[in-house]
PDB file of N, CA and C in Angstrom:
ATOM      1  N   MET A   1     -40.138 105.725 -29.418  1.00  0.00           N
ATOM      2  CA  MET A   1     -38.883 105.645 -28.699  1.00  0.00           C
ATOM      3  C   MET A   1     -38.444 104.215 -28.665  1.00  0.00           C
ATOM      4  N   VAL A   2     -37.158 103.962 -28.890  1.00  0.00           N
ATOM      5  CA  VAL A   2     -36.572 102.627 -28.902  1.00  0.00           C
ATOM      6  C   VAL A   2     -36.110 102.345 -27.477  1.00  0.00           C
ATOM      7  N   ASP A   3     -36.465 101.140 -26.983  1.00  0.00           N
ATOM      8  CA  ASP A   3     -35.952 100.773 -25.625  1.00  0.00           C
ATOM      9  C   ASP A   3     -34.514 100.339 -25.787  1.00  0.00           C
ATOM     10  N   PRO A   4     -33.671 100.754 -24.853  1.00  0.00           N
ATOM     11  CA  PRO A   4     -32.290 100.320 -24.920  1.00  0.00           C
ATOM     12  C   PRO A   4     -32.194  98.778 -24.677  1.00  0.00           C
ATOM     13  N   VAL A   5     -31.177  98.177 -25.254  1.00  0.00           N
ATOM     14  CA  VAL A   5     -30.919  96.787 -25.055  1.00  0.00           C
ATOM     15  C   VAL A   5     -30.516  96.526 -23.564  1.00  0.00           C
ATOM     16  N   PRO A   6     -31.235  95.633 -22.871  1.00  0.00           N
ATOM     17  CA  PRO A   6     -30.862  95.348 -21.466  1.00  0.00           C
ATOM     18  C   PRO A   6     -29.391  94.938 -21.360  1.00  0.00           C
ATOM     19  N   THR A   7     -28.664  95.535 -20.455  1.00  0.00           N
ATOM     20  CA  THR A   7     -27.239  95.319 -20.351  1.00  0.00           C
ATOM     21  C   THR A   7     -26.881  93.925 -19.744  1.00  0.00           C
ATOM     22  N   ASP A   8     -27.864  93.312 -19.024  1.00  0.00           N
ATOM     23  CA  ASP A   8     -27.546  92.024 -18.413  1.00  0.00           C
ATOM     24  C   ASP A   8     -27.813  90.829 -19.337  1.00  0.00           C
ATOM     25  N   LEU A   9     -28.406  91.102 -20.460  1.00  0.00           N
ATOM     26  CA  LEU A   9     -28.653  89.968 -21.411  1.00  0.00           C
ATOM     27  C   LEU A   9     -27.381  89.707 -22.231  1.00  0.00           C
ATOM     28  N   PRO A  10     -27.114  88.423 -22.449  1.00  0.00           N
ATOM     29  CA  PRO A  10     -26.007  88.114 -23.363  1.00  0.00           C
ATOM     30  C   PRO A  10     -26.358  88.620 -24.787  1.00  0.00           C
ATOM     31  N   ARG A  11     -25.329  88.922 -25.550  1.00  0.00           N
ATOM     32  CA  ARG A  11     -25.481  89.351 -26.920  1.00  0.00           C
ATOM     33  C   ARG A  11     -24.639  88.486 -27.831  1.00  0.00           C
ATOM     34  N   PRO A  12     -24.982  88.478 -29.135  1.00  0.00           N
ATOM     35  CA  PRO A  12     -24.102  87.670 -30.045  1.00  0.00           C
ATOM     36  C   PRO A  12     -22.604  88.032 -29.872  1.00  0.00           C
ATOM     37  N   TYR A  13     -21.809  87.002 -29.951  1.00  0.00           N
ATOM     38  CA  TYR A  13     -20.322  87.065 -29.773  1.00  0.00           C
ATOM     39  C   TYR A  13     -19.908  87.046 -28.325  1.00  0.00           C
ATOM     40  N   ASP A  14     -20.839  87.125 -27.385  1.00  0.00           N
ATOM     41  CA  ASP A  14     -20.426  86.897 -25.960  1.00  0.00           C
ATOM     42  C   ASP A  14     -20.088  85.414 -25.742  1.00  0.00           C
ATOM     43  N   HIS A  15     -19.277  85.115 -24.791  1.00  0.00           N
ATOM     44  CA  HIS A  15     -19.016  83.723 -24.394  1.00  0.00           C
ATOM     45  C   HIS A  15     -19.792  83.518 -23.087  1.00  0.00           C
ATOM     46  N   VAL A  16     -20.317  82.280 -22.961  1.00  0.00           N
ATOM     47  CA  VAL A  16     -21.051  81.955 -21.712  1.00  0.00           C
ATOM     48  C   VAL A  16     -20.593  80.624 -21.178  1.00  0.00           C
ATOM     49  N   HIS A  17     -20.733  80.431 -19.922  1.00  0.00           N
ATOM     50  CA  HIS A  17     -20.563  79.181 -19.210  1.00  0.00           C
ATOM     51  C   HIS A  17     -21.881  78.812 -18.605  1.00  0.00           C
ATOM     52  N   LEU A  18     -22.248  77.556 -18.632  1.00  0.00           N
ATOM     53  CA  LEU A  18     -23.547  77.117 -18.136  1.00  0.00           C
ATOM     54  C   LEU A  18     -23.435  76.585 -16.731  1.00  0.00           C
ATOM     55  N   HIS A  19     -24.572  76.583 -16.017  1.00  0.00           N
ATOM     56  CA  HIS A  19     -24.653  75.948 -14.708  1.00  0.00           C
ATOM     57  C   HIS A  19     -24.449  74.457 -14.835  1.00  0.00           C
ATOM     58  N   PRO A  20     -23.917  73.779 -13.850  1.00  0.00           N
ATOM     59  CA  PRO A  20     -23.778  72.295 -13.888  1.00  0.00           C
ATOM     60  C   PRO A  20     -25.112  71.569 -14.161  1.00  0.00           C
ATOM     61  N   ASP A  21     -26.177  72.111 -13.658  1.00  0.00           N
ATOM     62  CA  ASP A  21     -27.461  71.475 -13.816  1.00  0.00           C
ATOM     63  C   ASP A  21     -28.293  72.054 -14.972  1.00  0.00           C
ATOM     64  N   ASN A  22     -27.614  72.515 -16.020  1.00  0.00           N
ATOM     65  CA  ASN A  22     -28.342  73.134 -17.142  1.00  0.00           C
ATOM     66  C   ASN A  22     -29.251  72.117 -17.868  1.00  0.00           C
ATOM     67  N   ARG A  23     -30.335  72.565 -18.460  1.00  0.00           N
ATOM     68  CA  ARG A  23     -31.311  71.658 -19.061  1.00  0.00           C
ATOM     69  C   ARG A  23     -30.814  71.020 -20.313  1.00  0.00           C
ATOM     70  N   LEU A  24     -29.679  71.493 -20.888  1.00  0.00           N
ATOM     71  CA  LEU A  24     -29.085  70.878 -22.058  1.00  0.00           C
ATOM     72  C   LEU A  24     -28.266  69.710 -21.764  1.00  0.00           C
ATOM     73  N   GLY A  25     -27.830  69.543 -20.515  1.00  0.00           N
ATOM     74  CA  GLY A  25     -26.908  68.522 -20.153  1.00  0.00           C
ATOM     75  C   GLY A  25     -25.515  68.794 -20.705  1.00  0.00           C
ATOM     76  N   ALA A  26     -25.252  70.063 -21.046  1.00  0.00           N
ATOM     77  CA  ALA A  26     -23.986  70.476 -21.632  1.00  0.00           C
ATOM     78  C   ALA A  26     -22.936  70.612 -20.530  1.00  0.00           C
ATOM     79  N   ASP A  27     -21.667  70.428 -20.941  1.00  0.00           N
ATOM     80  CA  ASP A  27     -20.543  70.504 -20.022  1.00  0.00           C
ATOM     81  C   ASP A  27     -20.380  71.946 -19.536  1.00  0.00           C
ATOM     82  N   PRO A  28     -20.491  72.166 -18.199  1.00  0.00           N
ATOM     83  CA  PRO A  28     -20.383  73.510 -17.638  1.00  0.00           C
ATOM     84  C   PRO A  28     -18.942  74.083 -17.697  1.00  0.00           C
ATOM     85  N   ALA A  29     -17.953  73.257 -17.906  1.00  0.00           N
ATOM     86  CA  ALA A  29     -16.585  73.708 -18.013  1.00  0.00           C
ATOM     87  C   ALA A  29     -16.262  74.251 -19.459  1.00  0.00           C
ATOM     88  N   THR A  30     -17.148  73.985 -20.401  1.00  0.00           N
ATOM     89  CA  THR A  30     -16.906  74.389 -21.755  1.00  0.00           C
ATOM     90  C   THR A  30     -17.476  75.771 -21.999  1.00  0.00           C
ATOM     91  N   PRO A  31     -16.749  76.747 -22.605  1.00  0.00           N
ATOM     92  CA  PRO A  31     -17.347  77.987 -22.994  1.00  0.00           C
ATOM     93  C   PRO A  31     -18.120  77.821 -24.245  1.00  0.00           C
ATOM     94  N   TYR A  32     -19.217  78.568 -24.391  1.00  0.00           N
ATOM     95  CA  TYR A  32     -20.061  78.519 -25.565  1.00  0.00           C
ATOM     96  C   TYR A  32     -20.177  79.925 -26.158  1.00  0.00           C
ATOM     97  N   LEU A  33     -20.395  79.990 -27.408  1.00  0.00           N
ATOM     98  CA  LEU A  33     -20.535  81.290 -28.115  1.00  0.00           C
ATOM     99  C   LEU A  33     -22.032  81.607 -28.331  1.00  0.00           C
ATOM    100  N   VAL A  34     -22.455  82.797 -27.923  1.00  0.00           N
ATOM    101  CA  VAL A  34     -23.801  83.242 -28.178  1.00  0.00           C
ATOM    102  C   VAL A  34     -23.880  83.675 -29.653  1.00  0.00           C
ATOM    103  N   VAL A  35     -24.815  83.040 -30.380  1.00  0.00           N
ATOM    104  CA  VAL A  35     -24.947  83.435 -31.799  1.00  0.00           C
ATOM    105  C   VAL A  35     -26.246  84.223 -32.025  1.00  0.00           C
ATOM    106  N   ASP A  36     -27.215  84.073 -31.172  1.00  0.00           N
ATOM    107  CA  ASP A  36     -28.467  84.865 -31.327  1.00  0.00           C
ATOM    108  C   ASP A  36     -29.227  84.880 -29.986  1.00  0.00           C
ATOM    109  N   VAL A  37     -29.975  85.911 -29.769  1.00  0.00           N
ATOM    110  CA  VAL A  37     -30.858  86.017 -28.665  1.00  0.00           C
ATOM    111  C   VAL A  37     -32.237  86.252 -29.207  1.00  0.00           C
ATOM    112  N   LEU A  38     -33.131  85.288 -29.049  1.00  0.00           N
ATOM    113  CA  LEU A  38     -34.443  85.347 -29.603  1.00  0.00           C
ATOM    114  C   LEU A  38     -35.323  86.126 -28.681  1.00  0.00           C
ATOM    115  N   ASP A  39     -36.164  86.962 -29.320  1.00  0.00           N
ATOM    116  CA  ASP A  39     -37.098  87.832 -28.610  1.00  0.00           C
ATOM    117  C   ASP A  39     -38.294  87.077 -28.121  1.00  0.00           C
ATOM    118  N   THR A  40     -38.088  86.139 -27.179  1.00  0.00           N
ATOM    119  CA  THR A  40     -39.179  85.433 -26.564  1.00  0.00           C
ATOM    120  C   THR A  40     -39.237  85.797 -25.095  1.00  0.00           C
ATOM    121  N   GLU A  41     -40.206  85.325 -24.380  1.00  0.00           N
ATOM    122  CA  GLU A  41     -40.335  85.599 -22.969  1.00  0.00           C
ATOM    123  C   GLU A  41     -40.360  84.287 -22.227  1.00  0.00           C
ATOM    124  N   PRO A  42     -39.350  83.842 -21.498  1.00  0.00           N
ATOM    125  CA  PRO A  42     -38.082  84.494 -21.326  1.00  0.00           C
ATOM    126  C   PRO A  42     -37.215  84.420 -22.570  1.00  0.00           C
ATOM    127  N   PRO A  43     -36.135  85.213 -22.671  1.00  0.00           N
ATOM    128  CA  PRO A  43     -35.292  85.143 -23.848  1.00  0.00           C
ATOM    129  C   PRO A  43     -34.698  83.792 -24.065  1.00  0.00           C
ATOM    130  N   THR A  44     -34.570  83.384 -25.325  1.00  0.00           N
ATOM    131  CA  THR A  44     -33.946  82.122 -25.713  1.00  0.00           C
ATOM    132  C   THR A  44     -32.621  82.478 -26.353  1.00  0.00           C
ATOM    133  N   ILE A  45     -31.550  81.884 -25.845  1.00  0.00           N
ATOM    134  CA  ILE A  45     -30.209  82.172 -26.287  1.00  0.00           C
ATOM    135  C   ILE A  45     -29.696  80.989 -27.076  1.00  0.00           C
ATOM    136  N   GLU A  46     -29.361  81.234 -28.346  1.00  0.00           N
ATOM    137  CA  GLU A  46     -28.790  80.190 -29.233  1.00  0.00           C
ATOM    138  C   GLU A  46     -27.246  80.149 -29.033  1.00  0.00           C
ATOM    139  N   LEU A  47     -26.745  78.919 -28.780  1.00  0.00           N
ATOM    140  CA  LEU A  47     -25.340  78.701 -28.479  1.00  0.00           C
ATOM    141  C   LEU A  47     -24.655  77.805 -29.472  1.00  0.00           C
ATOM    142  N   TRP A  48     -23.420  78.051 -29.751  1.00  0.00           N
ATOM    143  CA  TRP A  48     -22.581  77.159 -30.527  1.00  0.00           C
ATOM    144  C   TRP A  48     -21.314  76.864 -29.724  1.00  0.00           C
ATOM    145  N   HIS A  49     -20.612  75.826 -30.087  1.00  0.00           N
ATOM    146  CA  HIS A  49     -19.234  75.606 -29.593  1.00  0.00           C
ATOM    147  C   HIS A  49     -18.336  76.642 -30.189  1.00  0.00           C
ATOM    148  N   LEU A  50     -17.232  76.981 -29.509  1.00  0.00           N
ATOM    149  CA  LEU A  50     -16.280  77.907 -30.067  1.00  0.00           C
ATOM    150  C   LEU A  50     -15.611  77.236 -31.312  1.00  0.00           C
ATOM    151  N   ALA A  51     -15.026  78.048 -32.156  1.00  0.00           N
ATOM    152  CA  ALA A  51     -14.489  77.540 -33.416  1.00  0.00           C
ATOM    153  C   ALA A  51     -13.385  76.491 -33.265  1.00  0.00           C
ATOM    154  N   ASP A  52     -12.628  76.583 -32.113  1.00  0.00           N
ATOM    155  CA  ASP A  52     -11.537  75.599 -31.921  1.00  0.00           C
ATOM    156  C   ASP A  52     -11.982  74.324 -31.206  1.00  0.00           C
ATOM    157  N   HIS A  53     -13.305  74.217 -30.905  1.00  0.00           N
ATOM    158  CA  HIS A  53     -13.822  72.993 -30.235  1.00  0.00           C
ATOM    159  C   HIS A  53     -13.989  71.871 -31.290  1.00  0.00           C
ATOM    160  N   PRO A  54     -13.617  70.609 -30.961  1.00  0.00           N
ATOM    161  CA  PRO A  54     -13.702  69.508 -31.912  1.00  0.00           C
ATOM    162  C   PRO A  54     -15.133  69.268 -32.419  1.00  0.00           C
ATOM    163  N   ASP A  55     -16.194  69.640 -31.650  1.00  0.00           N
ATOM    164  CA  ASP A  55     -17.561  69.429 -32.085  1.00  0.00           C
ATOM    165  C   ASP A  55     -18.196  70.724 -32.625  1.00  0.00           C
ATOM    166  N   HIS A  56     -17.369  71.699 -32.999  1.00  0.00           N
ATOM    167  CA  HIS A  56     -17.905  72.985 -33.444  1.00  0.00           C
ATOM    168  C   HIS A  56     -18.932  72.835 -34.560  1.00  0.00           C
ATOM    169  N   GLN A  57     -18.752  71.984 -35.524  1.00  0.00           N
ATOM    170  CA  GLN A  57     -19.685  71.798 -36.662  1.00  0.00           C
ATOM    171  C   GLN A  57     -20.844  70.932 -36.301  1.00  0.00           C
ATOM    172  N   ASP A  58     -20.805  70.255 -35.208  1.00  0.00           N
ATOM    173  CA  ASP A  58     -21.820  69.178 -34.865  1.00  0.00           C
ATOM    174  C   ASP A  58     -22.728  69.497 -33.722  1.00  0.00           C
ATOM    175  N   TRP A  59     -22.685  70.698 -33.167  1.00  0.00           N
ATOM    176  CA  TRP A  59     -23.512  70.918 -31.987  1.00  0.00           C
ATOM    177  C   TRP A  59     -23.947  72.390 -31.952  1.00  0.00           C
ATOM    178  N   ALA A  60     -25.257  72.560 -31.633  1.00  0.00           N
ATOM    179  CA  ALA A  60     -25.841  73.855 -31.296  1.00  0.00           C
ATOM    180  C   ALA A  60     -26.943  73.597 -30.318  1.00  0.00           C
ATOM    181  N   GLY A  61     -27.270  74.612 -29.551  1.00  0.00           N
ATOM    182  CA  GLY A  61     -28.322  74.366 -28.550  1.00  0.00           C
ATOM    183  C   GLY A  61     -28.904  75.756 -28.174  1.00  0.00           C
ATOM    184  N   THR A  62     -30.038  75.679 -27.497  1.00  0.00           N
ATOM    185  CA  THR A  62     -30.665  76.926 -27.002  1.00  0.00           C
ATOM    186  C   THR A  62     -30.749  76.791 -25.498  1.00  0.00           C
ATOM    187  N   ALA A  63     -30.494  77.892 -24.830  1.00  0.00           N
ATOM    188  CA  ALA A  63     -30.489  77.974 -23.387  1.00  0.00           C
ATOM    189  C   ALA A  63     -31.376  79.141 -22.925  1.00  0.00           C
ATOM    190  N   SER A  64     -31.707  79.092 -21.659  1.00  0.00           N
ATOM    191  CA  SER A  64     -32.428  80.190 -21.080  1.00  0.00           C
ATOM    192  C   SER A  64     -31.488  80.907 -20.109  1.00  0.00           C
ATOM    193  N   LEU A  65     -31.852  82.060 -19.610  1.00  0.00           N
ATOM    194  CA  LEU A  65     -30.963  82.774 -18.689  1.00  0.00           C
ATOM    195  C   LEU A  65     -30.699  81.956 -17.437  1.00  0.00           C
ATOM    196  N   ALA A  66     -31.714  81.100 -17.067  1.00  0.00           N
ATOM    197  CA  ALA A  66     -31.501  80.249 -15.895  1.00  0.00           C
ATOM    198  C   ALA A  66     -30.377  79.245 -16.090  1.00  0.00           C
ATOM    199  N   ASP A  67     -30.076  78.897 -17.344  1.00  0.00           N
ATOM    200  CA  ASP A  67     -29.002  77.910 -17.623  1.00  0.00           C
ATOM    201  C   ASP A  67     -27.635  78.525 -17.583  1.00  0.00           C
ATOM    202  N   ILE A  68     -27.530  79.865 -17.635  1.00  0.00           N
ATOM    203  CA  ILE A  68     -26.273  80.554 -17.827  1.00  0.00           C
ATOM    204  C   ILE A  68     -25.658  80.947 -16.458  1.00  0.00           C
ATOM    205  N   ALA A  69     -24.487  80.514 -16.151  1.00  0.00           N
ATOM    206  CA  ALA A  69     -23.793  80.818 -14.941  1.00  0.00           C
ATOM    207  C   ALA A  69     -22.974  82.114 -15.050  1.00  0.00           C
ATOM    208  N   LEU A  70     -22.382  82.334 -16.228  1.00  0.00           N
ATOM    209  CA  LEU A  70     -21.425  83.401 -16.385  1.00  0.00           C
ATOM    210  C   LEU A  70     -21.463  83.876 -17.815  1.00  0.00           C
ATOM    211  N   VAL A  71     -21.438  85.168 -18.064  1.00  0.00           N
ATOM    212  CA  VAL A  71     -21.317  85.795 -19.385  1.00  0.00           C
ATOM    213  C   VAL A  71     -19.995  86.536 -19.424  1.00  0.00           C
ATOM    214  N   VAL A  72     -19.303  86.401 -20.521  1.00  0.00           N
ATOM    215  CA  VAL A  72     -18.017  87.132 -20.747  1.00  0.00           C
ATOM    216  C   VAL A  72     -18.165  87.938 -22.047  1.00  0.00           C
ATOM    217  N   ARG A  73     -17.989  89.231 -21.920  1.00  0.00           N
ATOM    218  CA  ARG A  73     -18.046  90.141 -23.106  1.00  0.00           C
ATOM    219  C   ARG A  73     -16.712  90.864 -23.223  1.00  0.00           C
ATOM    220  N   VAL A  74     -16.085  90.691 -24.358  1.00  0.00           N
ATOM    221  CA  VAL A  74     -14.791  91.326 -24.612  1.00  0.00           C
ATOM    222  C   VAL A  74     -15.064  92.394 -25.674  1.00  0.00           C
ATOM    223  N   THR A  75     -14.655  93.627 -25.320  1.00  0.00           N
ATOM    224  CA  THR A  75     -14.740  94.700 -26.322  1.00  0.00           C
ATOM    225  C   THR A  75     -13.381  95.388 -26.323  1.00  0.00           C
ATOM    226  N   THR A  76     -13.192  96.281 -27.211  1.00  0.00           N
ATOM    227  CA  THR A  76     -11.922  96.985 -27.355  1.00  0.00           C
ATOM    228  C   THR A  76     -11.516  97.592 -26.013  1.00  0.00           C
ATOM    229  N   GLY A  77     -10.437  97.081 -25.431  1.00  0.00           N
ATOM    230  CA  GLY A  77      -9.892  97.596 -24.214  1.00  0.00           C
ATOM    231  C   GLY A  77     -10.642  97.207 -22.935  1.00  0.00           C
ATOM    232  N   ASP A  78     -11.626  96.323 -23.019  1.00  0.00           N
ATOM    233  CA  ASP A  78     -12.413  96.030 -21.828  1.00  0.00           C
ATOM    234  C   ASP A  78     -12.924  94.610 -21.903  1.00  0.00           C
ATOM    235  N   THR A  79     -12.923  93.959 -20.746  1.00  0.00           N
ATOM    236  CA  THR A  79     -13.572  92.630 -20.578  1.00  0.00           C
ATOM    237  C   THR A  79     -14.503  92.726 -19.398  1.00  0.00           C
ATOM    238  N   ARG A  80     -15.735  92.320 -19.611  1.00  0.00           N
ATOM    239  CA  ARG A  80     -16.721  92.348 -18.551  1.00  0.00           C
ATOM    240  C   ARG A  80     -17.275  90.933 -18.311  1.00  0.00           C
ATOM    241  N   THR A  81     -17.455  90.553 -17.076  1.00  0.00           N
ATOM    242  CA  THR A  81     -18.031  89.259 -16.741  1.00  0.00           C
ATOM    243  C   THR A  81     -19.182  89.559 -15.736  1.00  0.00           C
ATOM    244  N   TRP A  82     -20.259  88.755 -15.891  1.00  0.00           N
ATOM    245  CA  TRP A  82     -21.385  88.836 -14.956  1.00  0.00           C
ATOM    246  C   TRP A  82     -22.261  87.617 -15.016  1.00  0.00           C
ATOM    247  N   THR A  83     -23.072  87.487 -13.988  1.00  0.00           N
ATOM    248  CA  THR A  83     -24.088  86.474 -13.920  1.00  0.00           C
ATOM    249  C   THR A  83     -25.399  87.132 -14.241  1.00  0.00           C
ATOM    250  N   PRO A  84     -26.090  86.660 -15.309  1.00  0.00           N
ATOM    251  CA  PRO A  84     -27.318  87.379 -15.752  1.00  0.00           C
ATOM    252  C   PRO A  84     -28.476  87.167 -14.753  1.00  0.00           C
ATOM    253  N   SER A  85     -29.333  88.121 -14.737  1.00  0.00           N
ATOM    254  CA  SER A  85     -30.566  88.022 -13.897  1.00  0.00           C
ATOM    255  C   SER A  85     -31.523  87.026 -14.547  1.00  0.00           C
ATOM    256  N   LYS A  86     -32.217  86.306 -13.799  1.00  0.00           N
ATOM    257  CA  LYS A  86     -33.111  85.269 -14.392  1.00  0.00           C
ATOM    258  C   LYS A  86     -34.445  85.867 -14.656  1.00  0.00           C
TER     259      LYS A  86
END
């Protein structure tokens, strides 16, 4: 049996905002794109700048759930926002 994907984890293409005290030292006002969620314990989330950000080609980072303040998921006809469990 396959375990369902936890609904509180960010997924690729979600946008996230980080806590001001994130371990990356990244700007908490900047939205980041989730490009991958690595199956580690705790999960490691790979982030990029959005395509219209001036540093889009020059920056990538990995965050933990503790670094993420807000997740935004946009699907057809629905937008969901939440704070992930740590």
